[in-house]
Structure formats: structure tokens, C-alpha cells
Amino acid sequence: MQPACAAPASAATAPPASHPLLGIWTLSIPQLGCSETYHFRGDGTTLVKSAQEISESEFTVDVKPSARGFYKLQDRIVKDNGKQDCSGEIMKVGTRATNFLRFHPSGARFVMCQDETMAACIGPFERMPGQGI
């Protein structure tokens, strides 16, 4: 767990270049007629576009999955344009989240869950074409 005043992610906390999360992913939300784009970058930062919202966050992610097959993802928003996302929410800078990712064996999609079960998940997030694993 990082202290509240943690510095931006550094090479020491950035995921390895081979991590399956790195790249650009889309999440389609048909019931809202909206989609979100997530760019997980090798420096441990994420750029998210959701409806009118554009936000940036710093993240840490497990290098290897747990025994249950999930990667723990911790995220903290560091910038936001103050506009509404697909669900009509406005994210606040400093908001932290912990989620658990389960990748499809192909590496081309994953689901994001509240814990290491499949009981409460969103997805699938789908890798954008041309984004290798």
C-alpha cells in the first residue's frame, strides 16, 4: 500500500514490458450507448476516456496472477477534466480503487472484478487491434 503522498509511479513500480495489461483496451457499455478506452502505459500510468471525461491515473498491478488466476490492480486518479463519464459520474482526483483482473487465455480480453471471484465483474475489456501482448 502506498502512502497518500506517494510520488508518481517510477520505473521501480512500473510493470514489466511483457505484462499482459499494457496496451489500449476498450469497454463497450451497450445499455448506456457508450464505450470507454483505457491506455495502460509502461510507466505505470493510465489514460482513460469515457464519454466526455478524460482522466489519468497511476497504477500498480501484480506481476503474476494469484493462485486463483487474478491480478490485483490498484489505481489512483491524478488528473481529471471534471466532465461526466459514461455513467454520468464525475471522478475526483485522489480517488483510489482496487480491482482484480482475470485475463482470457488469448490475452485479448479481460474482466475487472471487485474481488477474486467472478461474482461482481465488468467487461470484457477488449484489446485494441494492433496492440500486441
N, C-alpha and C. Protein backbone atom coordinates (compact mmCIF):
# COMPACT_ATOMS: atom_id res chain seq x y z
N MET A 1 0.84 -1.18 0.00
CA MET A 1 0.00 0.00 0.00
C MET A 1 0.89 1.24 0.00
N GLN A 2 0.58 2.17 -0.89
CA GLN A 2 1.39 3.38 -0.99
C GLN A 2 0.83 4.45 -0.08
N PRO A 3 1.69 5.30 0.49
CA PRO A 3 1.20 6.40 1.30
C PRO A 3 0.42 7.39 0.44
N ALA A 4 -0.45 8.16 1.08
CA ALA A 4 -1.31 9.11 0.36
C ALA A 4 -0.50 10.13 -0.43
N CYS A 5 0.72 10.41 0.00
CA CYS A 5 1.54 11.42 -0.68
C CYS A 5 2.55 10.78 -1.62
N ALA A 6 2.27 9.58 -2.09
CA ALA A 6 3.21 8.85 -2.94
C ALA A 6 3.56 9.65 -4.19
N ALA A 7 4.79 9.52 -4.59
CA ALA A 7 5.26 10.17 -5.82
C ALA A 7 4.69 9.43 -7.02
N PRO A 8 4.76 10.03 -8.20
CA PRO A 8 4.28 9.33 -9.39
C PRO A 8 4.99 7.98 -9.55
N ALA A 9 4.34 7.08 -10.25
CA ALA A 9 4.92 5.76 -10.47
C ALA A 9 6.29 5.91 -11.13
N SER A 10 7.20 5.06 -10.74
CA SER A 10 8.55 5.13 -11.30
C SER A 10 8.87 3.80 -11.96
N ALA A 11 10.04 3.75 -12.56
CA ALA A 11 10.45 2.51 -13.21
C ALA A 11 10.46 1.35 -12.22
N ALA A 12 10.68 1.65 -10.93
CA ALA A 12 10.72 0.60 -9.92
C ALA A 12 9.34 0.00 -9.70
N THR A 13 8.27 0.77 -9.90
CA THR A 13 6.93 0.25 -9.66
C THR A 13 6.18 -0.02 -10.96
N ALA A 14 6.77 0.36 -12.09
CA ALA A 14 6.12 0.13 -13.38
C ALA A 14 6.11 -1.36 -13.69
N PRO A 15 5.06 -1.83 -14.37
CA PRO A 15 5.01 -3.25 -14.71
C PRO A 15 6.05 -3.59 -15.77
N PRO A 16 6.46 -4.85 -15.83
CA PRO A 16 7.42 -5.23 -16.87
C PRO A 16 6.80 -5.05 -18.26
N ALA A 17 7.64 -4.80 -19.26
CA ALA A 17 7.16 -4.54 -20.62
C ALA A 17 6.33 -5.70 -21.17
N SER A 18 6.51 -6.89 -20.63
CA SER A 18 5.77 -8.07 -21.11
C SER A 18 4.42 -8.26 -20.41
N HIS A 19 4.05 -7.34 -19.48
CA HIS A 19 2.82 -7.54 -18.71
C HIS A 19 1.60 -7.54 -19.64
N PRO A 20 0.67 -8.49 -19.43
CA PRO A 20 -0.49 -8.58 -20.33
C PRO A 20 -1.44 -7.39 -20.26
N LEU A 21 -1.36 -6.55 -19.23
CA LEU A 21 -2.26 -5.41 -19.11
C LEU A 21 -1.86 -4.25 -20.01
N LEU A 22 -0.58 -4.13 -20.32
CA LEU A 22 -0.11 -2.97 -21.07
C LEU A 22 -0.72 -2.92 -22.47
N GLY A 23 -1.16 -1.72 -22.86
CA GLY A 23 -1.76 -1.52 -24.16
C GLY A 23 -3.06 -0.75 -24.05
N ILE A 24 -3.80 -0.74 -25.13
CA ILE A 24 -5.05 0.02 -25.20
C ILE A 24 -6.22 -0.96 -25.23
N TRP A 25 -7.18 -0.72 -24.36
CA TRP A 25 -8.34 -1.60 -24.19
C TRP A 25 -9.63 -0.79 -24.32
N THR A 26 -10.68 -1.41 -24.81
CA THR A 26 -11.99 -0.76 -24.86
C THR A 26 -12.99 -1.58 -24.07
N LEU A 27 -13.90 -0.86 -23.44
CA LEU A 27 -15.02 -1.46 -22.71
C LEU A 27 -16.28 -0.87 -23.31
N SER A 28 -17.09 -1.71 -23.97
CA SER A 28 -18.36 -1.25 -24.54
C SER A 28 -19.45 -1.42 -23.50
N ILE A 29 -20.29 -0.39 -23.37
CA ILE A 29 -21.41 -0.41 -22.42
C ILE A 29 -22.69 -0.18 -23.23
N PRO A 30 -23.20 -1.24 -23.90
CA PRO A 30 -24.33 -1.07 -24.81
C PRO A 30 -25.57 -0.47 -24.15
N GLN A 31 -25.83 -0.84 -22.89
CA GLN A 31 -27.02 -0.32 -22.22
C GLN A 31 -26.96 1.19 -22.01
N LEU A 32 -25.77 1.77 -22.05
CA LEU A 32 -25.62 3.22 -21.93
C LEU A 32 -25.28 3.86 -23.28
N GLY A 33 -25.12 3.04 -24.32
CA GLY A 33 -24.75 3.56 -25.63
C GLY A 33 -23.41 4.27 -25.60
N CYS A 34 -22.47 3.69 -24.87
CA CYS A 34 -21.20 4.37 -24.62
C CYS A 34 -20.07 3.34 -24.58
N SER A 35 -18.86 3.81 -24.79
CA SER A 35 -17.69 2.95 -24.61
C SER A 35 -16.59 3.75 -23.95
N GLU A 36 -15.69 3.02 -23.31
CA GLU A 36 -14.56 3.63 -22.62
C GLU A 36 -13.27 3.07 -23.21
N THR A 37 -12.23 3.88 -23.24
CA THR A 37 -10.92 3.45 -23.71
C THR A 37 -9.92 3.63 -22.58
N TYR A 38 -9.15 2.59 -22.32
CA TYR A 38 -8.14 2.59 -21.27
C TYR A 38 -6.79 2.34 -21.90
N HIS A 39 -5.84 3.23 -21.67
CA HIS A 39 -4.47 3.03 -22.16
C HIS A 39 -3.57 2.81 -20.95
N PHE A 40 -3.24 1.55 -20.70
CA PHE A 40 -2.33 1.20 -19.61
C PHE A 40 -0.91 1.28 -20.17
N ARG A 41 -0.15 2.26 -19.67
CA ARG A 41 1.17 2.56 -20.20
C ARG A 41 2.27 1.92 -19.35
N GLY A 42 3.40 1.68 -19.99
CA GLY A 42 4.52 1.01 -19.35
C GLY A 42 5.15 1.77 -18.20
N ASP A 43 4.82 3.07 -18.06
CA ASP A 43 5.39 3.85 -16.96
C ASP A 43 4.52 3.80 -15.70
N GLY A 44 3.47 2.94 -15.71
CA GLY A 44 2.60 2.82 -14.54
C GLY A 44 1.51 3.87 -14.49
N THR A 45 1.20 4.49 -15.64
CA THR A 45 0.10 5.45 -15.69
C THR A 45 -0.95 4.96 -16.68
N THR A 46 -2.17 5.45 -16.48
CA THR A 46 -3.30 5.08 -17.34
C THR A 46 -3.98 6.34 -17.83
N LEU A 47 -4.37 6.35 -19.10
CA LEU A 47 -5.19 7.41 -19.67
C LEU A 47 -6.54 6.78 -19.98
N VAL A 48 -7.62 7.38 -19.45
CA VAL A 48 -8.97 6.85 -19.65
C VAL A 48 -9.84 7.90 -20.31
N LYS A 49 -10.57 7.47 -21.35
CA LYS A 49 -11.56 8.33 -22.00
C LYS A 49 -12.90 7.63 -21.87
N SER A 50 -13.87 8.33 -21.26
CA SER A 50 -15.20 7.77 -21.02
C SER A 50 -16.21 8.88 -21.25
N ALA A 51 -16.97 8.80 -22.36
CA ALA A 51 -17.89 9.88 -22.75
C ALA A 51 -17.08 11.17 -22.84
N GLN A 52 -17.45 12.21 -22.06
CA GLN A 52 -16.74 13.49 -22.11
C GLN A 52 -15.54 13.55 -21.16
N GLU A 53 -15.43 12.53 -20.29
CA GLU A 53 -14.36 12.54 -19.29
C GLU A 53 -13.04 12.07 -19.88
N ILE A 54 -11.97 12.73 -19.49
CA ILE A 54 -10.61 12.28 -19.74
C ILE A 54 -9.89 12.33 -18.40
N SER A 55 -9.35 11.20 -17.98
CA SER A 55 -8.65 11.18 -16.70
C SER A 55 -7.34 10.42 -16.84
N GLU A 56 -6.44 10.71 -15.91
CA GLU A 56 -5.18 9.99 -15.83
C GLU A 56 -5.03 9.45 -14.42
N SER A 57 -4.43 8.28 -14.33
CA SER A 57 -4.20 7.70 -13.02
C SER A 57 -2.84 7.03 -12.99
N GLU A 58 -2.42 6.71 -11.78
CA GLU A 58 -1.21 5.93 -11.55
C GLU A 58 -1.67 4.58 -11.06
N PHE A 59 -1.01 3.51 -11.51
CA PHE A 59 -1.45 2.19 -11.09
C PHE A 59 -0.27 1.29 -10.74
N THR A 60 -0.58 0.29 -9.94
CA THR A 60 0.32 -0.83 -9.72
C THR A 60 -0.49 -2.08 -10.00
N VAL A 61 0.17 -3.08 -10.53
CA VAL A 61 -0.51 -4.34 -10.85
C VAL A 61 0.45 -5.48 -10.54
N ASP A 62 -0.10 -6.57 -10.01
CA ASP A 62 0.73 -7.73 -9.72
C ASP A 62 1.45 -8.18 -10.98
N VAL A 63 2.69 -8.62 -10.82
CA VAL A 63 3.49 -9.10 -11.94
C VAL A 63 2.96 -10.46 -12.42
N LYS A 64 2.49 -11.28 -11.47
CA LYS A 64 1.96 -12.60 -11.80
C LYS A 64 0.58 -12.75 -11.17
N PRO A 65 -0.28 -13.59 -11.78
CA PRO A 65 -1.61 -13.79 -11.19
C PRO A 65 -1.52 -14.57 -9.89
N SER A 66 -2.54 -14.40 -9.06
CA SER A 66 -2.64 -15.15 -7.81
C SER A 66 -2.95 -16.62 -8.12
N ALA A 67 -3.01 -17.43 -7.08
CA ALA A 67 -3.36 -18.84 -7.26
C ALA A 67 -4.74 -19.00 -7.90
N ARG A 68 -5.60 -18.01 -7.72
CA ARG A 68 -6.95 -18.04 -8.31
C ARG A 68 -6.97 -17.49 -9.74
N GLY A 69 -5.84 -17.00 -10.24
CA GLY A 69 -5.76 -16.52 -11.61
C GLY A 69 -6.06 -15.04 -11.81
N PHE A 70 -6.05 -14.26 -10.73
CA PHE A 70 -6.35 -12.82 -10.80
C PHE A 70 -5.11 -11.98 -10.55
N TYR A 71 -5.05 -10.84 -11.24
CA TYR A 71 -4.03 -9.83 -11.00
C TYR A 71 -4.68 -8.72 -10.19
N LYS A 72 -4.06 -8.34 -9.08
CA LYS A 72 -4.55 -7.22 -8.27
C LYS A 72 -4.10 -5.92 -8.91
N LEU A 73 -5.05 -5.01 -9.17
CA LEU A 73 -4.78 -3.71 -9.78
C LEU A 73 -5.17 -2.63 -8.78
N GLN A 74 -4.23 -1.76 -8.45
CA GLN A 74 -4.51 -0.61 -7.59
C GLN A 74 -4.29 0.65 -8.40
N ASP A 75 -5.21 1.61 -8.25
CA ASP A 75 -5.25 2.76 -9.14
C ASP A 75 -5.59 4.00 -8.31
N ARG A 76 -4.98 5.13 -8.67
CA ARG A 76 -5.29 6.41 -8.03
C ARG A 76 -5.36 7.48 -9.11
N ILE A 77 -6.50 8.17 -9.17
CA ILE A 77 -6.68 9.23 -10.17
C ILE A 77 -5.83 10.44 -9.80
N VAL A 78 -5.04 10.92 -10.79
CA VAL A 78 -4.16 12.07 -10.56
C VAL A 78 -4.58 13.30 -11.37
N LYS A 79 -5.36 13.11 -12.43
CA LYS A 79 -5.87 14.23 -13.24
C LYS A 79 -7.25 13.87 -13.76
N ASP A 80 -8.11 14.87 -13.88
CA ASP A 80 -9.43 14.65 -14.47
C ASP A 80 -9.92 15.98 -15.02
N ASN A 81 -10.62 15.93 -16.16
CA ASN A 81 -11.11 17.17 -16.76
C ASN A 81 -12.43 17.65 -16.16
N GLY A 82 -12.99 16.93 -15.18
CA GLY A 82 -14.20 17.38 -14.49
C GLY A 82 -15.48 17.16 -15.28
N LYS A 83 -15.43 16.38 -16.35
CA LYS A 83 -16.63 16.11 -17.15
C LYS A 83 -17.18 14.73 -16.83
N GLN A 84 -18.43 14.49 -17.24
CA GLN A 84 -19.10 13.23 -16.91
C GLN A 84 -18.58 12.06 -17.74
N ASP A 85 -18.50 10.89 -17.05
CA ASP A 85 -18.13 9.66 -17.73
C ASP A 85 -19.38 8.97 -18.29
N CYS A 86 -19.24 7.77 -18.80
CA CYS A 86 -20.37 7.06 -19.41
C CYS A 86 -21.55 6.89 -18.46
N SER A 87 -21.29 6.75 -17.18
CA SER A 87 -22.37 6.55 -16.22
C SER A 87 -22.90 7.87 -15.65
N GLY A 88 -22.39 9.00 -16.15
CA GLY A 88 -22.86 10.30 -15.66
C GLY A 88 -22.12 10.79 -14.43
N GLU A 89 -21.13 10.03 -13.99
CA GLU A 89 -20.35 10.40 -12.80
C GLU A 89 -19.20 11.34 -13.19
N ILE A 90 -18.74 12.11 -12.21
CA ILE A 90 -17.55 12.93 -12.36
C ILE A 90 -16.54 12.41 -11.34
N MET A 91 -15.43 11.92 -11.83
CA MET A 91 -14.42 11.34 -10.95
C MET A 91 -13.64 12.45 -10.25
N LYS A 92 -13.23 12.15 -9.04
CA LYS A 92 -12.46 13.12 -8.26
C LYS A 92 -11.00 12.71 -8.20
N VAL A 93 -10.11 13.70 -8.36
CA VAL A 93 -8.68 13.46 -8.23
C VAL A 93 -8.42 12.92 -6.83
N GLY A 94 -7.57 11.91 -6.75
CA GLY A 94 -7.25 11.28 -5.47
C GLY A 94 -8.05 10.02 -5.21
N THR A 95 -9.11 9.77 -5.98
CA THR A 95 -9.92 8.57 -5.80
C THR A 95 -9.06 7.34 -6.04
N ARG A 96 -9.14 6.39 -5.11
CA ARG A 96 -8.38 5.15 -5.22
C ARG A 96 -9.34 3.98 -5.46
N ALA A 97 -8.85 2.99 -6.18
CA ALA A 97 -9.65 1.79 -6.42
C ALA A 97 -8.73 0.58 -6.43
N THR A 98 -9.25 -0.53 -5.93
CA THR A 98 -8.56 -1.81 -6.02
C THR A 98 -9.50 -2.78 -6.70
N ASN A 99 -9.04 -3.40 -7.77
CA ASN A 99 -9.83 -4.36 -8.51
C ASN A 99 -8.96 -5.57 -8.84
N PHE A 100 -9.60 -6.61 -9.36
CA PHE A 100 -8.91 -7.84 -9.68
C PHE A 100 -9.23 -8.21 -11.12
N LEU A 101 -8.17 -8.45 -11.91
CA LEU A 101 -8.31 -8.70 -13.34
C LEU A 101 -8.11 -10.18 -13.64
N ARG A 102 -8.97 -10.68 -14.52
CA ARG A 102 -8.85 -12.07 -14.97
C ARG A 102 -8.78 -12.05 -16.48
N PHE A 103 -7.66 -12.48 -17.04
CA PHE A 103 -7.44 -12.45 -18.48
C PHE A 103 -7.95 -13.72 -19.14
N HIS A 104 -8.48 -13.56 -20.34
CA HIS A 104 -8.83 -14.69 -21.19
C HIS A 104 -7.51 -15.33 -21.63
N PRO A 105 -7.48 -16.66 -21.83
CA PRO A 105 -6.22 -17.31 -22.24
C PRO A 105 -5.60 -16.69 -23.50
N SER A 106 -6.40 -16.10 -24.37
CA SER A 106 -5.88 -15.48 -25.60
C SER A 106 -5.10 -14.21 -25.32
N GLY A 107 -5.32 -13.59 -24.14
CA GLY A 107 -4.70 -12.31 -23.82
C GLY A 107 -5.39 -11.13 -24.48
N ALA A 108 -6.45 -11.39 -25.24
CA ALA A 108 -7.13 -10.35 -26.00
C ALA A 108 -8.28 -9.71 -25.24
N ARG A 109 -8.61 -10.22 -24.06
CA ARG A 109 -9.67 -9.61 -23.25
C ARG A 109 -9.49 -9.96 -21.79
N PHE A 110 -10.11 -9.14 -20.94
CA PHE A 110 -10.11 -9.42 -19.51
C PHE A 110 -11.39 -8.87 -18.89
N VAL A 111 -11.69 -9.36 -17.69
CA VAL A 111 -12.77 -8.79 -16.90
C VAL A 111 -12.16 -8.19 -15.65
N MET A 112 -12.83 -7.16 -15.11
CA MET A 112 -12.39 -6.46 -13.91
C MET A 112 -13.42 -6.75 -12.82
N CYS A 113 -12.94 -7.31 -11.71
CA CYS A 113 -13.83 -7.77 -10.64
C CYS A 113 -13.53 -7.07 -9.32
N GLN A 114 -14.54 -7.08 -8.43
CA GLN A 114 -14.38 -6.47 -7.11
C GLN A 114 -13.50 -7.29 -6.19
N ASP A 115 -13.46 -8.61 -6.42
CA ASP A 115 -12.63 -9.49 -5.60
C ASP A 115 -12.18 -10.66 -6.47
N GLU A 116 -11.55 -11.64 -5.86
CA GLU A 116 -11.02 -12.76 -6.64
C GLU A 116 -12.06 -13.85 -6.88
N THR A 117 -13.27 -13.41 -7.22
CA THR A 117 -14.31 -14.32 -7.68
C THR A 117 -14.88 -13.68 -8.95
N MET A 118 -15.74 -14.37 -9.62
CA MET A 118 -16.37 -13.82 -10.81
C MET A 118 -17.77 -13.30 -10.48
N ALA A 119 -18.03 -13.05 -9.18
CA ALA A 119 -19.38 -12.67 -8.74
C ALA A 119 -19.76 -11.24 -9.13
N ALA A 120 -18.83 -10.31 -9.13
CA ALA A 120 -19.14 -8.91 -9.43
C ALA A 120 -18.04 -8.35 -10.33
N CYS A 121 -18.27 -8.47 -11.65
CA CYS A 121 -17.26 -8.07 -12.63
C CYS A 121 -17.89 -7.20 -13.72
N ILE A 122 -17.03 -6.41 -14.38
CA ILE A 122 -17.44 -5.70 -15.58
C ILE A 122 -16.52 -6.14 -16.71
N GLY A 123 -17.04 -6.05 -17.91
CA GLY A 123 -16.23 -6.44 -19.06
C GLY A 123 -17.07 -7.24 -20.04
N PRO A 124 -16.43 -7.75 -21.05
CA PRO A 124 -14.98 -7.81 -21.19
C PRO A 124 -14.38 -6.51 -21.73
N PHE A 125 -13.17 -6.24 -21.28
CA PHE A 125 -12.33 -5.21 -21.88
C PHE A 125 -11.66 -5.91 -23.05
N GLU A 126 -11.64 -5.29 -24.20
CA GLU A 126 -11.06 -5.92 -25.38
C GLU A 126 -9.87 -5.13 -25.88
N ARG A 127 -8.78 -5.86 -26.18
CA ARG A 127 -7.55 -5.23 -26.65
C ARG A 127 -7.81 -4.61 -28.02
N MET A 128 -7.36 -3.38 -28.20
CA MET A 128 -7.49 -2.72 -29.50
C MET A 128 -6.61 -3.43 -30.51
N PRO A 129 -7.07 -3.53 -31.76
CA PRO A 129 -6.25 -4.17 -32.79
C PRO A 129 -4.88 -3.50 -32.89
N GLY A 130 -3.87 -4.32 -33.12
CA GLY A 130 -2.51 -3.79 -33.26
C GLY A 130 -1.79 -3.64 -31.94
N GLN A 131 -2.45 -3.94 -30.84
CA GLN A 131 -1.82 -3.84 -29.51
C GLN A 131 -1.39 -5.23 -29.10
N GLY A 132 -0.15 -5.57 -29.34
CA GLY A 132 0.37 -6.89 -29.02
C GLY A 132 0.38 -7.18 -27.55
N ILE A 133 0.55 -8.45 -27.22
CA ILE A 133 0.61 -8.82 -25.81
C ILE A 133 2.03 -9.03 -25.34
